[in-house]
């Protein structure tokens, strides 16, 4: 399923290229935490599906910043921050996955022009989704959940006291190098063995690279960053679709007594087709490397 990201907002912060990298890190993380908390409010108010997506994206962006700043910010602080952000992300459980599955099951099969399964199964999955939502809401109301935000803020206070004054402009190549190292490692594993676990790791590393460019590259190299992002997003779309379909099939298998016909609809008409279009070759890696090089010159 293609996600509607029209409502998604990146932190709108204005920085000079000469500002200290730890300052940028703290300001971006703070803005993202605020966005997570606003999304939580919207989710609790009316079960806003897009707000849930925003919640998860912002936490993934925090994780991406933690990963790429590991040579700039003390490792001990970053490890603590990563633990807290992962706990917040895990709290949403499979709620987003259920939302994607319900949407998928309600669409029309383009070949038959008929609904791909009966209403009973949709109702069963919707009920499980509602139970997951109620569990998530209860989780967000307990003090242990709130403490994750408090500990993240404490970590940021320690980062602000760091003696490192390297500028954003000077640390940008370092951040890109770290992101690209992770992407290259994922590609290398995939070239050795094209299994789904390695495809998943590539998808995650490319997403982290994209977040880094969205949050920092648009400050340092705005024009070139927009061009690279346009290409990168098109590459990521098929990886995202493939992952969504895998998740949906997994949910059908684990949570529902889905018919073989339903699974065949997913496997034959969608999964195999999307897999063929995945950007997994060495040529895609070379294009990406060339694009990123233009961002750091």
Protein backbone atom coordinates (compact mmCIF):
# COMPACT_ATOMS: atom_id res chain seq x y z
CA UNK A 1 0.00 0.00 0.00
CA UNK A 2 1.31 3.44 -0.88
CA UNK A 3 1.34 5.65 2.18
CA UNK A 4 -0.16 9.11 1.99
CA UNK A 5 2.57 11.38 3.29
CA UNK A 6 0.95 14.64 2.25
CA UNK A 7 0.35 15.60 5.90
CA UNK A 8 3.82 14.66 7.04
CA UNK A 9 5.89 17.55 8.33
CA UNK A 10 9.61 17.66 8.86
CA UNK A 11 10.97 19.84 11.68
CA UNK A 12 11.17 23.35 10.25
CA UNK A 13 14.31 24.71 11.91
CA UNK A 14 16.65 27.33 10.48
CA UNK A 15 20.35 26.76 11.09
CA UNK A 16 23.51 28.41 9.90
CA UNK A 17 25.92 25.94 8.31
CA UNK A 18 28.49 27.04 10.90
CA UNK A 19 26.37 26.14 13.93
CA UNK A 20 27.77 23.34 16.10
CA UNK A 21 26.74 19.80 15.14
CA UNK A 22 25.68 18.85 18.72
CA UNK A 23 23.39 21.90 18.76
CA UNK A 24 21.76 20.80 15.51
CA UNK A 25 21.41 17.25 16.82
CA UNK A 26 19.68 18.42 20.03
CA UNK A 27 17.38 20.87 18.22
CA UNK A 28 16.28 18.27 15.66
CA UNK A 29 15.68 15.57 18.27
CA UNK A 30 13.69 18.01 20.43
CA UNK A 31 11.52 19.02 17.45
CA UNK A 32 10.93 15.36 16.60
CA UNK A 33 9.99 14.51 20.20
CA UNK A 34 7.46 17.37 20.15
CA UNK A 35 6.05 16.02 16.88
CA UNK A 36 5.75 12.52 18.39
CA UNK A 37 3.79 13.92 21.33
CA UNK A 38 1.47 15.90 19.04
CA UNK A 39 0.84 12.76 17.00
CA UNK A 40 0.02 10.87 20.21
CA UNK A 41 -2.60 13.47 21.06
CA UNK A 42 -4.19 13.10 17.60
CA UNK A 43 -4.15 9.29 17.83
CA UNK A 44 -5.90 9.35 21.20
CA UNK A 45 -8.50 11.88 19.98
CA UNK A 46 -9.85 10.12 16.90
CA UNK A 47 -7.66 7.09 16.11
CA UNK A 48 -6.02 9.11 13.32
CA UNK A 49 -4.22 6.62 11.05
CA UNK A 50 -2.02 9.32 9.54
CA UNK A 51 -1.04 10.52 13.03
CA UNK A 52 0.06 6.97 13.85
CA UNK A 53 2.21 6.97 10.72
CA UNK A 54 3.66 10.34 11.80
CA UNK A 55 4.42 8.93 15.26
CA UNK A 56 6.37 6.02 13.79
CA UNK A 57 8.18 8.11 11.16
CA UNK A 58 9.37 10.67 13.73
CA UNK A 59 10.73 7.91 15.97
CA UNK A 60 12.51 6.35 12.98
CA UNK A 61 13.99 9.77 12.21
CA UNK A 62 15.28 10.03 15.77
CA UNK A 63 16.87 6.59 15.38
CA UNK A 64 18.46 7.65 12.07
CA UNK A 65 20.03 10.74 13.67
CA UNK A 66 21.33 8.66 16.57
CA UNK A 67 23.02 6.27 14.12
CA UNK A 68 24.69 8.88 11.89
CA UNK A 69 25.89 11.12 14.74
CA UNK A 70 27.80 8.31 16.44
CA UNK A 71 31.18 9.94 15.63
CA UNK A 72 30.03 13.36 16.85
CA UNK A 73 28.08 12.64 20.06
CA UNK A 74 29.42 10.41 22.90
CA UNK A 75 28.56 6.77 22.21
CA UNK A 76 27.27 6.08 25.73
CA UNK A 77 24.62 8.82 25.42
CA UNK A 78 23.56 7.65 21.95
CA UNK A 79 23.12 4.05 23.11
CA UNK A 80 20.85 5.24 25.91
CA UNK A 81 18.84 7.37 23.47
CA UNK A 82 18.51 4.48 21.06
CA UNK A 83 17.10 2.27 23.82
CA UNK A 84 14.49 4.89 24.76
CA UNK A 85 13.39 5.64 21.19
CA UNK A 86 13.09 1.93 20.38
CA UNK A 87 10.89 1.40 23.43
CA UNK A 88 8.58 4.22 22.28
CA UNK A 89 8.43 2.74 18.79
CA UNK A 90 7.73 -0.77 20.09
CA UNK A 91 4.76 0.54 22.08
CA UNK A 92 2.74 0.91 18.86
CA UNK A 93 3.11 -2.84 18.29
CA UNK A 94 1.37 -4.12 15.16
CA UNK A 95 -1.19 -1.33 15.01
CA UNK A 96 0.17 0.22 11.83
CA UNK A 97 0.48 -3.25 10.26
CA UNK A 98 -3.20 -3.95 10.95
CA UNK A 99 -4.16 -0.60 9.40
CA UNK A 100 -2.25 -1.46 6.23
CA UNK A 101 -3.81 -4.92 6.07
CA UNK A 102 -7.38 -3.65 6.48
CA UNK A 103 -6.80 -1.10 3.71
CA UNK A 104 -5.29 -3.75 1.47
CA UNK A 105 -8.16 -6.17 1.97
CA UNK A 106 -10.75 -3.52 1.15
CA UNK A 107 -9.33 -2.70 -2.26
CA UNK A 108 -10.58 -4.28 -5.44
CA UNK A 109 -8.66 -7.03 -7.17
CA UNK A 110 -7.93 -5.41 -10.57
CA UNK A 111 -8.23 -8.71 -12.44
CA UNK A 112 -11.60 -9.88 -11.16
CA UNK A 113 -13.02 -6.45 -10.22
CA UNK A 114 -14.41 -8.11 -7.07
CA UNK A 115 -13.56 -7.84 -3.41
CA UNK A 116 -10.65 -10.15 -2.68
CA UNK A 117 -12.24 -11.76 0.40
CA UNK A 118 -15.43 -12.01 2.41
CA UNK A 119 -16.66 -9.49 4.97
CA UNK A 120 -16.28 -11.94 7.89
CA UNK A 121 -12.50 -11.97 7.61
CA UNK A 122 -12.38 -8.16 7.34
CA UNK A 123 -14.46 -7.88 10.51
CA UNK A 124 -12.16 -10.33 12.30
CA UNK A 125 -9.05 -8.36 11.38
CA UNK A 126 -10.71 -5.03 12.24
CA UNK A 127 -11.61 -6.38 15.70
CA UNK A 128 -7.98 -7.44 16.26
CA UNK A 129 -6.85 -4.00 15.12
CA UNK A 130 -9.18 -2.35 17.65
CA UNK A 131 -7.85 -4.54 20.46
CA UNK A 132 -4.29 -3.57 19.49
CA UNK A 133 -5.27 0.12 19.48
CA UNK A 134 -6.74 -0.10 22.97
CA UNK A 135 -3.59 -1.84 24.21
CA UNK A 136 -1.46 0.95 22.69
CA UNK A 137 -3.57 3.67 24.34
CA UNK A 138 -3.26 2.00 27.74
CA UNK A 139 0.51 1.74 27.26
CA UNK A 140 0.85 5.46 26.49
CA UNK A 141 -0.98 6.38 29.70
CA UNK A 142 1.34 4.62 32.13
CA UNK A 143 4.27 6.31 33.84
CA UNK A 144 6.84 3.86 32.44
CA UNK A 145 5.98 5.02 28.92
CA UNK A 146 6.25 8.72 29.87
CA UNK A 147 9.63 8.07 31.49
CA UNK A 148 11.11 7.25 28.07
CA UNK A 149 10.53 10.88 27.02
CA UNK A 150 12.04 12.16 30.28
CA UNK A 151 15.17 10.06 29.82
CA UNK A 152 15.53 11.21 26.19
CA UNK A 153 15.44 14.84 27.37
CA UNK A 154 18.07 14.07 30.03
CA UNK A 155 20.32 12.62 27.34
CA UNK A 156 19.91 15.78 25.25
CA UNK A 157 20.96 17.90 28.23
CA UNK A 158 24.19 15.89 28.41
CA UNK A 159 24.80 16.31 24.68
CA UNK A 160 24.44 20.08 25.03
CA UNK A 161 27.28 20.03 27.56
CA UNK A 162 29.62 18.26 25.13
CA UNK A 163 32.84 20.08 24.29
CA UNK A 164 32.67 19.23 20.57
CA UNK A 165 32.17 22.36 18.48
CA UNK A 166 32.52 20.87 15.01
CA UNK A 167 30.27 22.80 12.63
CA UNK A 168 27.36 21.29 10.74
CA UNK A 169 29.13 22.13 7.46
CA UNK A 170 32.29 20.26 8.50
CA UNK A 171 30.55 17.22 9.95
CA UNK A 172 28.17 16.74 6.97
CA UNK A 173 30.63 14.52 4.99
CA UNK A 174 31.15 12.42 8.14
CA UNK A 175 27.39 11.92 8.55
CA UNK A 176 26.99 10.93 4.90
CA UNK A 177 29.94 8.56 5.10
CA UNK A 178 28.36 6.74 8.05
CA UNK A 179 24.97 6.49 6.32
CA UNK A 180 26.51 5.21 3.10
CA UNK A 181 28.64 2.69 4.98
CA UNK A 182 25.45 1.15 6.40
CA UNK A 183 23.76 1.10 2.97
CA UNK A 184 26.81 -0.46 1.29
CA UNK A 185 27.01 -3.14 3.97
CA UNK A 186 23.33 -3.99 3.35
CA UNK A 187 23.90 -4.17 -0.43
CA UNK A 188 26.95 -6.43 -0.01
CA UNK A 189 24.99 -8.90 2.12
CA UNK A 190 22.21 -8.87 -0.44
CA UNK A 191 24.54 -9.55 -3.37
CA UNK A 192 25.85 -12.63 -1.54
CA UNK A 193 22.38 -13.94 -0.73
CA UNK A 194 19.12 -12.41 -1.95
CA UNK A 195 16.90 -13.36 0.94
CA UNK A 196 14.11 -11.26 2.45
CA UNK A 197 15.98 -10.47 5.68
CA UNK A 198 18.71 -8.71 3.69
CA UNK A 199 16.14 -6.86 1.57
CA UNK A 200 14.59 -5.63 4.82
CA UNK A 201 17.98 -4.38 6.08
CA UNK A 202 18.60 -2.56 2.81
CA UNK A 203 15.18 -0.89 3.05
CA UNK A 204 15.93 0.30 6.58
CA UNK A 205 19.41 1.62 5.74
CA UNK A 206 18.11 3.51 2.68
CA UNK A 207 15.33 4.99 4.78
CA UNK A 208 17.84 6.17 7.40
CA UNK A 209 19.93 7.73 4.63
CA UNK A 210 16.86 9.53 3.31
CA UNK A 211 15.94 10.86 6.75
CA UNK A 212 19.47 12.17 7.22
CA UNK A 213 19.27 14.05 3.91
CA UNK A 214 15.77 15.37 4.69
CA UNK A 215 16.74 16.61 8.14
CA UNK A 216 20.29 17.86 7.52
CA UNK A 217 21.12 17.75 3.81
CA UNK A 218 18.37 20.25 3.03
CA UNK A 219 20.15 22.69 5.36
CA UNK A 220 23.68 22.15 4.04
CA UNK A 221 23.04 21.51 0.32
CA UNK A 222 19.35 22.32 -0.31
CA UNK A 223 19.26 22.23 -4.13
CA UNK A 224 21.32 19.06 -4.56
CA UNK A 225 19.56 17.39 -1.61
CA UNK A 226 16.15 17.85 -3.28
CA UNK A 227 17.40 16.19 -6.46
CA UNK A 228 18.88 13.23 -4.58
CA UNK A 229 15.74 12.85 -2.44
CA UNK A 230 13.55 12.71 -5.52
CA UNK A 231 15.60 9.81 -6.93
CA UNK A 232 15.94 8.08 -3.55
CA UNK A 233 12.20 8.13 -2.84
CA UNK A 234 11.42 6.52 -6.19
CA UNK A 235 13.92 3.74 -5.37
CA UNK A 236 12.43 3.21 -1.95
CA UNK A 237 8.82 2.94 -3.03
CA UNK A 238 9.06 -0.64 -4.31
CA UNK A 239 11.04 -1.71 -1.21
CA UNK A 240 8.32 -0.23 1.01
CA UNK A 241 5.53 -1.90 -0.97
CA UNK A 242 7.31 -5.25 -0.81
CA UNK A 243 7.76 -4.99 2.96
CA UNK A 244 4.09 -4.02 3.46
CA UNK A 245 2.93 -7.04 1.48
CA UNK A 246 5.16 -9.36 3.49
CA UNK A 247 3.82 -7.94 6.75
CA UNK A 248 0.23 -8.32 5.54
CA UNK A 249 0.77 -11.95 4.55
CA UNK A 250 2.37 -12.63 7.92
CA UNK A 251 -0.61 -11.14 9.76
CA UNK A 252 -3.03 -13.20 7.69
CA UNK A 253 -1.09 -16.34 8.55
CA UNK A 254 -0.67 -15.68 12.27
CA UNK A 255 -3.93 -13.97 13.23
CA UNK A 256 -6.54 -15.25 10.80
CA UNK A 257 -7.71 -18.49 9.25
CA UNK A 258 -7.35 -16.90 5.83
CA UNK A 259 -8.29 -18.97 2.81
CA UNK A 260 -5.66 -20.16 0.33
CA UNK A 261 -7.42 -18.07 -2.31
CA UNK A 262 -6.75 -14.88 -0.36
CA UNK A 263 -3.08 -15.71 0.11
CA UNK A 264 -2.73 -16.52 -3.58
CA UNK A 265 -4.12 -13.07 -4.44
CA UNK A 266 -1.35 -11.51 -2.37
CA UNK A 267 1.44 -13.82 -3.47
CA UNK A 268 0.79 -14.09 -7.19
CA UNK A 269 -0.64 -10.72 -8.17
CA UNK A 270 1.43 -8.52 -5.85
CA UNK A 271 4.43 -9.99 -4.06
CA UNK A 272 6.25 -11.60 -7.00
CA UNK A 273 5.58 -8.61 -9.26
CA UNK A 274 6.92 -6.10 -6.71
CA UNK A 275 10.00 -8.24 -5.97
CA UNK A 276 11.03 -8.11 -9.62
CA UNK A 277 11.16 -4.31 -9.53
CA UNK A 278 13.32 -3.98 -6.39
CA UNK A 279 16.50 -1.84 -6.74
CA UNK A 280 18.95 -4.58 -5.72
CA UNK A 281 21.65 -4.52 -8.40
CA UNK A 282 25.17 -3.11 -8.36
CA UNK A 283 24.17 -0.53 -10.95
CA UNK A 284 21.66 0.99 -8.48
CA UNK A 285 24.37 1.15 -5.84
CA UNK A 286 26.72 2.96 -8.25
CA UNK A 287 24.04 5.53 -9.12
CA UNK A 288 23.35 6.11 -5.43
CA UNK A 289 27.06 6.52 -4.69
CA UNK A 290 27.37 9.07 -7.50
CA UNK A 291 24.35 11.02 -6.24
CA UNK A 292 25.60 11.12 -2.65
CA UNK A 293 29.06 12.19 -3.81
CA UNK A 294 27.48 15.28 -5.37
CA UNK A 295 26.03 16.12 -1.94
CA UNK A 296 29.37 16.12 -0.13
CA UNK A 297 31.53 18.00 -2.62
